Amino acid sequence: MSDEFDGLDAMEKAGVGTTLNRCRALASKIGNELRNKRPEHFVDKLSLASVHASLERAADVLSTVKGSQARGTSGRQVAGARLGRRARRPSRRGRRSV
């Protein structure tokens, strides 16, 4: 553990632990919901873009956390790893061959 964490009192440590557990639960809920979504559920492209941007931001923050396994990777790579290979593969729809 870090010296900073060791310097917290018991109530602050409990608060950090509780918040971390809430983050884990939320990440699990998001993962489950995304696994159940299909492309046709995202008719509104802006909402999908918003979800993606939020996940990238969360991944970027996690990559800066001390002890993160994400060190050395970009937030985009971390977000892709969280979503799974299939979710981050670019769509071929609407692409033109050059």
N, C-alpha and C. Protein backbone atom coordinates (compact mmCIF):
# COMPACT_ATOMS: atom_id res chain seq x y z
N MET A 1 0.83 -1.18 0.00
CA MET A 1 0.00 0.00 0.00
C MET A 1 0.87 1.24 0.00
N SER A 2 0.29 2.33 -0.43
CA SER A 2 1.05 3.56 -0.50
C SER A 2 1.09 4.25 0.86
N ASP A 3 2.10 5.11 1.01
CA ASP A 3 2.22 5.89 2.24
C ASP A 3 1.02 6.81 2.41
N GLU A 4 0.52 7.33 1.29
CA GLU A 4 -0.65 8.22 1.35
C GLU A 4 -1.85 7.48 1.93
N PHE A 5 -2.07 6.26 1.47
CA PHE A 5 -3.20 5.48 1.97
C PHE A 5 -2.99 5.13 3.44
N ASP A 6 -1.77 4.76 3.77
CA ASP A 6 -1.46 4.42 5.17
C ASP A 6 -1.70 5.60 6.10
N GLY A 7 -1.56 6.81 5.59
CA GLY A 7 -1.74 8.01 6.39
C GLY A 7 -3.20 8.38 6.65
N LEU A 8 -4.13 7.71 5.99
CA LEU A 8 -5.55 8.00 6.19
C LEU A 8 -6.04 7.37 7.49
N ASP A 9 -7.05 8.00 8.10
CA ASP A 9 -7.63 7.39 9.29
C ASP A 9 -8.59 6.27 8.85
N ALA A 10 -9.08 5.52 9.80
CA ALA A 10 -9.90 4.35 9.50
C ALA A 10 -11.16 4.70 8.71
N MET A 11 -11.78 5.83 9.03
CA MET A 11 -13.01 6.23 8.34
C MET A 11 -12.72 6.58 6.88
N GLU A 12 -11.60 7.27 6.64
CA GLU A 12 -11.24 7.61 5.26
C GLU A 12 -10.90 6.35 4.46
N LYS A 13 -10.19 5.41 5.08
CA LYS A 13 -9.86 4.15 4.39
C LYS A 13 -11.13 3.39 4.04
N ALA A 14 -12.08 3.37 4.97
CA ALA A 14 -13.35 2.69 4.71
C ALA A 14 -14.09 3.37 3.56
N GLY A 15 -14.03 4.70 3.52
CA GLY A 15 -14.68 5.43 2.45
C GLY A 15 -14.07 5.12 1.10
N VAL A 16 -12.74 5.03 1.05
CA VAL A 16 -12.06 4.68 -0.21
C VAL A 16 -12.47 3.28 -0.64
N GLY A 17 -12.50 2.35 0.30
CA GLY A 17 -12.90 0.98 -0.01
C GLY A 17 -14.33 0.89 -0.50
N THR A 18 -15.22 1.62 0.13
CA THR A 18 -16.63 1.63 -0.26
C THR A 18 -16.79 2.22 -1.66
N THR A 19 -16.10 3.31 -1.92
CA THR A 19 -16.18 3.95 -3.23
C THR A 19 -15.62 3.03 -4.32
N LEU A 20 -14.52 2.35 -4.02
CA LEU A 20 -13.94 1.41 -4.98
C LEU A 20 -14.93 0.28 -5.29
N ASN A 21 -15.58 -0.23 -4.26
CA ASN A 21 -16.58 -1.29 -4.49
C ASN A 21 -17.75 -0.78 -5.32
N ARG A 22 -18.17 0.46 -5.09
CA ARG A 22 -19.25 1.04 -5.89
C ARG A 22 -18.82 1.18 -7.34
N CYS A 23 -17.57 1.58 -7.56
CA CYS A 23 -17.04 1.69 -8.93
C CYS A 23 -17.03 0.32 -9.60
N ARG A 24 -16.60 -0.71 -8.88
CA ARG A 24 -16.58 -2.07 -9.43
C ARG A 24 -17.98 -2.53 -9.81
N ALA A 25 -18.95 -2.26 -8.94
CA ALA A 25 -20.33 -2.66 -9.21
C ALA A 25 -20.86 -1.94 -10.44
N LEU A 26 -20.57 -0.65 -10.55
CA LEU A 26 -21.02 0.12 -11.70
C LEU A 26 -20.36 -0.37 -12.98
N ALA A 27 -19.06 -0.64 -12.93
CA ALA A 27 -18.35 -1.16 -14.11
C ALA A 27 -18.93 -2.51 -14.54
N SER A 28 -19.27 -3.34 -13.58
CA SER A 28 -19.87 -4.64 -13.89
C SER A 28 -21.24 -4.46 -14.54
N LYS A 29 -22.03 -3.55 -14.00
CA LYS A 29 -23.35 -3.29 -14.56
C LYS A 29 -23.24 -2.77 -15.99
N ILE A 30 -22.30 -1.85 -16.22
CA ILE A 30 -22.10 -1.31 -17.57
C ILE A 30 -21.67 -2.42 -18.52
N GLY A 31 -20.73 -3.25 -18.07
CA GLY A 31 -20.26 -4.36 -18.91
C GLY A 31 -21.39 -5.31 -19.28
N ASN A 32 -22.23 -5.64 -18.30
CA ASN A 32 -23.36 -6.53 -18.56
C ASN A 32 -24.34 -5.90 -19.54
N GLU A 33 -24.63 -4.63 -19.36
CA GLU A 33 -25.57 -3.96 -20.26
C GLU A 33 -25.01 -3.88 -21.68
N LEU A 34 -23.71 -3.59 -21.80
CA LEU A 34 -23.11 -3.50 -23.14
C LEU A 34 -23.10 -4.86 -23.84
N ARG A 35 -22.89 -5.93 -23.07
CA ARG A 35 -22.91 -7.27 -23.68
C ARG A 35 -24.28 -7.61 -24.24
N ASN A 36 -25.32 -7.04 -23.64
CA ASN A 36 -26.68 -7.34 -24.09
C ASN A 36 -27.18 -6.41 -25.19
N LYS A 37 -26.41 -5.40 -25.53
CA LYS A 37 -26.82 -4.45 -26.57
C LYS A 37 -26.38 -4.94 -27.94
N ARG A 38 -27.20 -4.61 -28.92
CA ARG A 38 -26.85 -4.88 -30.31
C ARG A 38 -26.80 -3.55 -31.04
N PRO A 39 -26.16 -3.51 -32.19
CA PRO A 39 -26.03 -2.23 -32.91
C PRO A 39 -27.37 -1.52 -33.12
N GLU A 40 -28.43 -2.28 -33.34
CA GLU A 40 -29.72 -1.64 -33.60
C GLU A 40 -30.29 -0.94 -32.36
N HIS A 41 -29.74 -1.23 -31.18
CA HIS A 41 -30.17 -0.53 -29.97
C HIS A 41 -29.65 0.90 -29.93
N PHE A 42 -28.64 1.20 -30.73
CA PHE A 42 -28.03 2.51 -30.72
C PHE A 42 -28.37 3.28 -31.99
N VAL A 43 -29.64 3.55 -32.17
CA VAL A 43 -30.07 4.33 -33.33
C VAL A 43 -29.53 5.75 -33.20
N ASP A 44 -29.50 6.26 -31.98
CA ASP A 44 -28.97 7.60 -31.72
C ASP A 44 -27.44 7.49 -31.59
N LYS A 45 -26.74 7.88 -32.63
CA LYS A 45 -25.28 7.76 -32.66
C LYS A 45 -24.61 8.62 -31.59
N LEU A 46 -25.24 9.73 -31.24
CA LEU A 46 -24.65 10.60 -30.23
C LEU A 46 -24.61 9.93 -28.86
N SER A 47 -25.63 9.15 -28.54
CA SER A 47 -25.63 8.47 -27.25
C SER A 47 -24.52 7.42 -27.20
N LEU A 48 -24.32 6.70 -28.29
CA LEU A 48 -23.24 5.72 -28.33
C LEU A 48 -21.88 6.41 -28.24
N ALA A 49 -21.74 7.53 -28.93
CA ALA A 49 -20.48 8.28 -28.86
C ALA A 49 -20.23 8.80 -27.45
N SER A 50 -21.28 9.18 -26.77
CA SER A 50 -21.15 9.66 -25.40
C SER A 50 -20.72 8.54 -24.46
N VAL A 51 -21.31 7.36 -24.62
CA VAL A 51 -20.91 6.20 -23.82
C VAL A 51 -19.43 5.89 -24.07
N HIS A 52 -19.04 5.88 -25.33
CA HIS A 52 -17.66 5.56 -25.69
C HIS A 52 -16.69 6.58 -25.09
N ALA A 53 -17.00 7.85 -25.21
CA ALA A 53 -16.13 8.90 -24.68
C ALA A 53 -16.00 8.78 -23.16
N SER A 54 -17.10 8.47 -22.50
CA SER A 54 -17.07 8.32 -21.04
C SER A 54 -16.21 7.13 -20.63
N LEU A 55 -16.31 6.04 -21.36
CA LEU A 55 -15.50 4.86 -21.05
C LEU A 55 -14.01 5.13 -21.30
N GLU A 56 -13.72 5.86 -22.37
CA GLU A 56 -12.33 6.21 -22.64
C GLU A 56 -11.77 7.10 -21.53
N ARG A 57 -12.55 8.04 -21.07
CA ARG A 57 -12.12 8.92 -19.98
C ARG A 57 -11.87 8.11 -18.71
N ALA A 58 -12.77 7.19 -18.39
CA ALA A 58 -12.59 6.34 -17.21
C ALA A 58 -11.32 5.49 -17.35
N ALA A 59 -11.08 4.96 -18.54
CA ALA A 59 -9.89 4.16 -18.77
C ALA A 59 -8.62 5.00 -18.63
N ASP A 60 -8.68 6.24 -19.12
CA ASP A 60 -7.53 7.14 -18.98
C ASP A 60 -7.23 7.42 -17.51
N VAL A 61 -8.27 7.66 -16.72
CA VAL A 61 -8.08 7.92 -15.29
C VAL A 61 -7.49 6.68 -14.63
N LEU A 62 -8.03 5.51 -14.93
CA LEU A 62 -7.51 4.28 -14.33
C LEU A 62 -6.05 4.04 -14.69
N SER A 63 -5.67 4.41 -15.90
CA SER A 63 -4.28 4.18 -16.31
C SER A 63 -3.29 5.04 -15.54
N THR A 64 -3.77 6.09 -14.88
CA THR A 64 -2.89 6.95 -14.10
C THR A 64 -2.84 6.54 -12.63
N VAL A 65 -3.68 5.59 -12.23
CA VAL A 65 -3.75 5.16 -10.84
C VAL A 65 -2.52 4.33 -10.50
N LYS A 66 -1.95 4.61 -9.36
CA LYS A 66 -0.76 3.89 -8.90
C LYS A 66 -1.08 2.40 -8.82
N GLY A 67 -0.21 1.57 -9.37
CA GLY A 67 -0.41 0.13 -9.33
C GLY A 67 -1.32 -0.39 -10.42
N SER A 68 -1.71 0.48 -11.34
CA SER A 68 -2.60 0.06 -12.42
C SER A 68 -1.88 -0.86 -13.38
N GLN A 69 -2.57 -1.91 -13.80
CA GLN A 69 -2.02 -2.82 -14.80
C GLN A 69 -2.06 -2.19 -16.17
N ALA A 70 -2.75 -1.07 -16.27
CA ALA A 70 -2.92 -0.40 -17.56
C ALA A 70 -1.75 0.50 -17.90
N ARG A 71 -0.77 0.62 -17.05
CA ARG A 71 0.36 1.50 -17.33
C ARG A 71 1.04 1.09 -18.63
N GLY A 72 1.43 2.08 -19.39
CA GLY A 72 2.12 1.81 -20.65
C GLY A 72 1.16 1.61 -21.81
N THR A 73 -0.14 1.70 -21.55
CA THR A 73 -1.11 1.60 -22.63
C THR A 73 -1.93 2.86 -22.64
N SER A 74 -2.49 3.15 -23.76
CA SER A 74 -3.34 4.34 -23.84
C SER A 74 -4.71 4.00 -23.27
N GLY A 75 -5.45 5.02 -22.92
CA GLY A 75 -6.80 4.83 -22.44
C GLY A 75 -7.66 4.10 -23.45
N ARG A 76 -7.43 4.38 -24.73
CA ARG A 76 -8.20 3.73 -25.78
C ARG A 76 -7.95 2.22 -25.76
N GLN A 77 -6.68 1.82 -25.57
CA GLN A 77 -6.37 0.40 -25.51
C GLN A 77 -7.01 -0.24 -24.28
N VAL A 78 -7.00 0.47 -23.17
CA VAL A 78 -7.59 -0.05 -21.95
C VAL A 78 -9.09 -0.19 -22.11
N ALA A 79 -9.74 0.83 -22.68
CA ALA A 79 -11.18 0.76 -22.89
C ALA A 79 -11.52 -0.40 -23.82
N GLY A 80 -10.72 -0.57 -24.86
CA GLY A 80 -10.94 -1.67 -25.78
C GLY A 80 -10.79 -3.02 -25.10
N ALA A 81 -9.81 -3.11 -24.22
CA ALA A 81 -9.61 -4.36 -23.49
C ALA A 81 -10.80 -4.64 -22.58
N ARG A 82 -11.37 -3.59 -21.99
CA ARG A 82 -12.53 -3.77 -21.11
C ARG A 82 -13.77 -4.19 -21.90
N LEU A 83 -13.91 -3.63 -23.10
CA LEU A 83 -15.09 -3.92 -23.90
C LEU A 83 -14.97 -5.23 -24.65
N GLY A 84 -13.78 -5.70 -24.82
CA GLY A 84 -13.58 -6.93 -25.57
C GLY A 84 -13.26 -6.63 -27.02
N ARG A 85 -12.57 -7.53 -27.66
CA ARG A 85 -12.10 -7.32 -29.03
C ARG A 85 -13.24 -7.00 -29.98
N ARG A 86 -14.34 -7.70 -29.86
CA ARG A 86 -15.45 -7.52 -30.78
C ARG A 86 -16.04 -6.12 -30.72
N ALA A 87 -16.12 -5.57 -29.52
CA ALA A 87 -16.74 -4.26 -29.35
C ALA A 87 -15.90 -3.13 -29.90
N ARG A 88 -14.58 -3.29 -29.95
CA ARG A 88 -13.75 -2.18 -30.39
C ARG A 88 -13.36 -2.28 -31.85
N ARG A 89 -13.73 -3.35 -32.53
CA ARG A 89 -13.42 -3.50 -33.94
C ARG A 89 -14.20 -2.47 -34.72
N PRO A 90 -13.55 -1.69 -35.58
CA PRO A 90 -14.28 -0.66 -36.34
C PRO A 90 -15.30 -1.28 -37.28
N SER A 91 -16.35 -0.58 -37.47
CA SER A 91 -17.40 -1.03 -38.37
C SER A 91 -16.95 -0.90 -39.81
N ARG A 92 -17.30 -1.87 -40.61
CA ARG A 92 -16.99 -1.80 -42.04
C ARG A 92 -18.10 -1.10 -42.78
N ARG A 93 -19.23 -0.95 -42.14
CA ARG A 93 -20.37 -0.31 -42.76
C ARG A 93 -20.06 1.15 -43.03
N GLY A 94 -20.29 1.58 -44.20
CA GLY A 94 -20.06 2.98 -44.55
C GLY A 94 -18.62 3.28 -44.93
N ARG A 95 -17.76 2.30 -44.87
CA ARG A 95 -16.36 2.52 -45.28
C ARG A 95 -16.23 2.31 -46.76
N ARG A 96 -15.32 3.06 -47.36
CA ARG A 96 -15.06 2.89 -48.78
C ARG A 96 -13.66 2.35 -48.96
N SER A 97 -13.49 1.48 -49.92
CA SER A 97 -12.16 0.97 -50.24
C SER A 97 -11.41 2.01 -51.05
N VAL A 98 -10.13 2.09 -50.81
CA VAL A 98 -9.31 3.07 -51.52
C VAL A 98 -8.50 2.37 -52.56
